[in-house]
Amino acid sequence: MSLIREFKDFAMRGNVIDMAVGVIVGTAFGKIVSSLVSDVVMPPIGVLLGGVNFVDLAFTVKEAAEGAPAVVIAYGKFTQTVIDFVIIAFVIFMAVRLINSLKKKAEAAPAAPSNQELLLAEIRDLLKK
């Protein structure tokens, strides 16, 4: 019974739940970025390069023969995946940069003394006199 309880404690910790939510949101974000790259970014780039469809770019190593599929190196899909990665990495970098700047602002701004602290400082100063 202690193994089940230990697993429950592990699974219900805040960090595990936060990580699960992050993975799910990250997966959805990855799909959005993939669609952005394949459906919005790459078509204009293909037109600029003379009507090239990047998904179709491939180098055939061995032609198909006798029911065996062709062996191809799909460098167009790879190029698209690299662009996906660069966009995702840039967005994550900007998010981390924003979070770090917000943390610095929060640390840099010291809290104003409360009324109680001001009164205590006045009393201290009067007692010194």
C-alpha atoms as a PDB file:
ATOM      1  CA  MET A   1       0.000   0.000   0.000  1.00  0.00           C
ATOM      2  CA  SER A   2       2.879   2.404   0.656  1.00  0.00           C
ATOM      3  CA  LEU A   3       4.026   2.160  -2.981  1.00  0.00           C
ATOM      4  CA  ILE A   4       0.618   3.385  -4.191  1.00  0.00           C
ATOM      5  CA  ARG A   5       0.590   6.198  -1.639  1.00  0.00           C
ATOM      6  CA  GLU A   6       4.129   7.219  -2.588  1.00  0.00           C
ATOM      7  CA  PHE A   7       3.189   7.257  -6.285  1.00  0.00           C
ATOM      8  CA  LYS A   8       0.077   9.330  -5.523  1.00  0.00           C
ATOM      9  CA  ASP A   9       2.185  11.840  -3.568  1.00  0.00           C
ATOM     10  CA  PHE A  10       4.647  12.021  -6.456  1.00  0.00           C
ATOM     11  CA  ALA A  11       1.963  12.446  -9.124  1.00  0.00           C
ATOM     12  CA  MET A  12       0.057  15.080  -7.200  1.00  0.00           C
ATOM     13  CA  ARG A  13       3.015  17.330  -6.488  1.00  0.00           C
ATOM     14  CA  GLY A  14       2.643  20.728  -8.076  1.00  0.00           C
ATOM     15  CA  ASN A  15       5.749  20.370 -10.239  1.00  0.00           C
ATOM     16  CA  VAL A  16       4.520  17.206 -11.952  1.00  0.00           C
ATOM     17  CA  ILE A  17       1.119  18.719 -12.729  1.00  0.00           C
ATOM     18  CA  ASP A  18       2.746  21.932 -13.999  1.00  0.00           C
ATOM     19  CA  MET A  19       5.098  19.912 -16.185  1.00  0.00           C
ATOM     20  CA  ALA A  20       2.209  17.895 -17.635  1.00  0.00           C
ATOM     21  CA  VAL A  21       0.305  21.065 -18.482  1.00  0.00           C
ATOM     22  CA  GLY A  22       3.467  22.513 -20.035  1.00  0.00           C
ATOM     23  CA  VAL A  23       3.984  19.440 -22.204  1.00  0.00           C
ATOM     24  CA  ILE A  24       0.378  19.513 -23.422  1.00  0.00           C
ATOM     25  CA  VAL A  25       0.475  23.240 -24.175  1.00  0.00           C
ATOM     26  CA  GLY A  26       3.906  22.853 -25.784  1.00  0.00           C
ATOM     27  CA  THR A  27       2.639  20.095 -28.058  1.00  0.00           C
ATOM     28  CA  ALA A  28      -0.291  22.232 -29.163  1.00  0.00           C
ATOM     29  CA  PHE A  29       2.039  25.198 -29.679  1.00  0.00           C
ATOM     30  CA  GLY A  30       4.338  23.015 -31.783  1.00  0.00           C
ATOM     31  CA  LYS A  31       1.416  22.078 -34.029  1.00  0.00           C
ATOM     32  CA  ILE A  32       0.510  25.750 -34.427  1.00  0.00           C
ATOM     33  CA  VAL A  33       4.075  26.653 -35.360  1.00  0.00           C
ATOM     34  CA  SER A  34       4.313  23.732 -37.785  1.00  0.00           C
ATOM     35  CA  SER A  35       1.148  24.906 -39.488  1.00  0.00           C
ATOM     36  CA  LEU A  36       2.451  28.483 -39.547  1.00  0.00           C
ATOM     37  CA  VAL A  37       5.661  27.396 -41.208  1.00  0.00           C
ATOM     38  CA  SER A  38       4.162  24.929 -43.705  1.00  0.00           C
ATOM     39  CA  ASP A  39       1.032  26.912 -44.591  1.00  0.00           C
ATOM     40  CA  VAL A  40       2.105  30.562 -44.234  1.00  0.00           C
ATOM     41  CA  VAL A  41       5.896  30.981 -44.280  1.00  0.00           C
ATOM     42  CA  MET A  42       7.097  28.354 -46.756  1.00  0.00           C
ATOM     43  CA  PRO A  43       4.697  29.011 -49.694  1.00  0.00           C
ATOM     44  CA  PRO A  44       5.906  32.614 -50.229  1.00  0.00           C
ATOM     45  CA  ILE A  45       9.519  31.471 -49.868  1.00  0.00           C
ATOM     46  CA  GLY A  46       8.820  28.773 -52.441  1.00  0.00           C
ATOM     47  CA  VAL A  47       7.324  31.348 -54.827  1.00  0.00           C
ATOM     48  CA  LEU A  48      10.362  33.605 -54.370  1.00  0.00           C
ATOM     49  CA  LEU A  49      12.593  30.667 -55.252  1.00  0.00           C
ATOM     50  CA  GLY A  50      10.729  29.923 -58.467  1.00  0.00           C
ATOM     51  CA  GLY A  51       7.641  27.999 -57.385  1.00  0.00           C
ATOM     52  CA  VAL A  52       9.434  25.383 -55.284  1.00  0.00           C
ATOM     53  CA  ASN A  53       7.344  23.334 -52.853  1.00  0.00           C
ATOM     54  CA  PHE A  54       9.736  22.476 -50.026  1.00  0.00           C
ATOM     55  CA  VAL A  55       7.827  19.373 -48.948  1.00  0.00           C
ATOM     56  CA  ASP A  56       8.422  17.825 -52.380  1.00  0.00           C
ATOM     57  CA  LEU A  57      12.181  18.461 -52.378  1.00  0.00           C
ATOM     58  CA  ALA A  58      13.947  15.128 -52.118  1.00  0.00           C
ATOM     59  CA  PHE A  59      16.962  13.297 -53.444  1.00  0.00           C
ATOM     60  CA  THR A  60      16.286   9.766 -54.683  1.00  0.00           C
ATOM     61  CA  VAL A  61      18.992   7.362 -53.568  1.00  0.00           C
ATOM     62  CA  LYS A  62      17.393   4.266 -55.071  1.00  0.00           C
ATOM     63  CA  GLU A  63      14.380   4.041 -57.374  1.00  0.00           C
ATOM     64  CA  ALA A  64      11.400   1.893 -56.459  1.00  0.00           C
ATOM     65  CA  ALA A  65      11.685  -1.628 -57.821  1.00  0.00           C
ATOM     66  CA  GLU A  66       9.598  -4.791 -57.577  1.00  0.00           C
ATOM     67  CA  GLY A  67       7.258  -3.597 -54.828  1.00  0.00           C
ATOM     68  CA  ALA A  68      10.040  -2.046 -52.737  1.00  0.00           C
ATOM     69  CA  PRO A  69       9.522   1.665 -52.138  1.00  0.00           C
ATOM     70  CA  ALA A  70      12.058   4.205 -53.346  1.00  0.00           C
ATOM     71  CA  VAL A  71      14.794   5.296 -50.959  1.00  0.00           C
ATOM     72  CA  VAL A  72      14.747   9.085 -50.756  1.00  0.00           C
ATOM     73  CA  ILE A  73      16.367  11.799 -48.671  1.00  0.00           C
ATOM     74  CA  ALA A  74      13.580  14.310 -48.026  1.00  0.00           C
ATOM     75  CA  TYR A  75      15.675  17.408 -47.430  1.00  0.00           C
ATOM     76  CA  GLY A  76      12.666  19.683 -48.082  1.00  0.00           C
ATOM     77  CA  LYS A  77      10.805  18.295 -45.071  1.00  0.00           C
ATOM     78  CA  PHE A  78      14.024  18.590 -43.068  1.00  0.00           C
ATOM     79  CA  THR A  79      14.373  22.252 -44.073  1.00  0.00           C
ATOM     80  CA  GLN A  80      10.805  22.901 -42.983  1.00  0.00           C
ATOM     81  CA  THR A  81      11.430  21.164 -39.650  1.00  0.00           C
ATOM     82  CA  VAL A  82      14.553  23.263 -39.046  1.00  0.00           C
ATOM     83  CA  ILE A  83      12.529  26.432 -39.656  1.00  0.00           C
ATOM     84  CA  ASP A  84       9.881  25.125 -37.216  1.00  0.00           C
ATOM     85  CA  PHE A  85      12.585  24.616 -34.612  1.00  0.00           C
ATOM     86  CA  VAL A  86      14.083  28.071 -35.123  1.00  0.00           C
ATOM     87  CA  ILE A  87      10.701  29.748 -34.708  1.00  0.00           C
ATOM     88  CA  ILE A  88       9.839  27.725 -31.592  1.00  0.00           C
ATOM     89  CA  ALA A  89      13.283  28.348 -30.082  1.00  0.00           C
ATOM     90  CA  PHE A  90      12.989  32.089 -30.764  1.00  0.00           C
ATOM     91  CA  VAL A  91       9.538  32.311 -29.171  1.00  0.00           C
ATOM     92  CA  ILE A  92      10.711  30.394 -26.104  1.00  0.00           C
ATOM     93  CA  PHE A  93      13.795  32.622 -25.885  1.00  0.00           C
ATOM     94  CA  MET A  94      11.596  35.731 -25.990  1.00  0.00           C
ATOM     95  CA  ALA A  95       9.264  34.307 -23.316  1.00  0.00           C
ATOM     96  CA  VAL A  96      12.185  33.477 -21.001  1.00  0.00           C
ATOM     97  CA  ARG A  97      13.674  36.909 -21.648  1.00  0.00           C
ATOM     98  CA  LEU A  98      10.348  38.557 -20.738  1.00  0.00           C
ATOM     99  CA  ILE A  99      10.035  36.484 -17.557  1.00  0.00           C
ATOM    100  CA  ASN A 100      13.610  37.327 -16.536  1.00  0.00           C
ATOM    101  CA  SER A 101      13.041  41.051 -17.112  1.00  0.00           C
ATOM    102  CA  LEU A 102       9.874  40.913 -14.997  1.00  0.00           C
ATOM    103  CA  LYS A 103      11.811  39.154 -12.224  1.00  0.00           C
ATOM    104  CA  LYS A 104      14.540  41.819 -12.352  1.00  0.00           C
ATOM    105  CA  LYS A 105      11.955  44.604 -12.076  1.00  0.00           C
ATOM    106  CA  ALA A 106      10.328  42.874  -9.117  1.00  0.00           C
ATOM    107  CA  GLU A 107      13.698  42.451  -7.383  1.00  0.00           C
ATOM    108  CA  ALA A 108      14.890  45.979  -8.201  1.00  0.00           C
ATOM    109  CA  ALA A 109      11.893  47.798  -6.745  1.00  0.00           C
ATOM    110  CA  PRO A 110      12.291  47.760  -2.955  1.00  0.00           C
ATOM    111  CA  ALA A 111       9.077  47.841  -0.990  1.00  0.00           C
ATOM    112  CA  ALA A 112       8.199  51.167   0.593  1.00  0.00           C
ATOM    113  CA  PRO A 113       8.331  51.123   4.400  1.00  0.00           C
ATOM    114  CA  SER A 114       4.977  50.572   6.049  1.00  0.00           C
ATOM    115  CA  ASN A 115       3.359  53.177   8.300  1.00  0.00           C
ATOM    116  CA  GLN A 116       4.345  51.107  11.314  1.00  0.00           C
ATOM    117  CA  GLU A 117       8.003  51.116  10.268  1.00  0.00           C
ATOM    118  CA  LEU A 118       7.895  54.904   9.700  1.00  0.00           C
ATOM    119  CA  LEU A 119       6.415  55.461  13.165  1.00  0.00           C
ATOM    120  CA  LEU A 120       9.023  53.197  14.739  1.00  0.00           C
ATOM    121  CA  ALA A 121      11.776  55.113  12.934  1.00  0.00           C
ATOM    122  CA  GLU A 122      10.376  58.407  14.262  1.00  0.00           C
ATOM    123  CA  ILE A 123      10.243  57.015  17.803  1.00  0.00           C
ATOM    124  CA  ARG A 124      13.833  55.771  17.466  1.00  0.00           C
ATOM    125  CA  ASP A 125      14.984  59.181  16.263  1.00  0.00           C
ATOM    126  CA  LEU A 126      13.151  60.961  19.123  1.00  0.00           C
ATOM    127  CA  LEU A 127      14.705  58.608  21.658  1.00  0.00           C
ATOM    128  CA  LYS A 128      18.172  59.333  20.244  1.00  0.00           C
ATOM    129  CA  LYS A 129      17.635  63.055  20.898  1.00  0.00           C
END
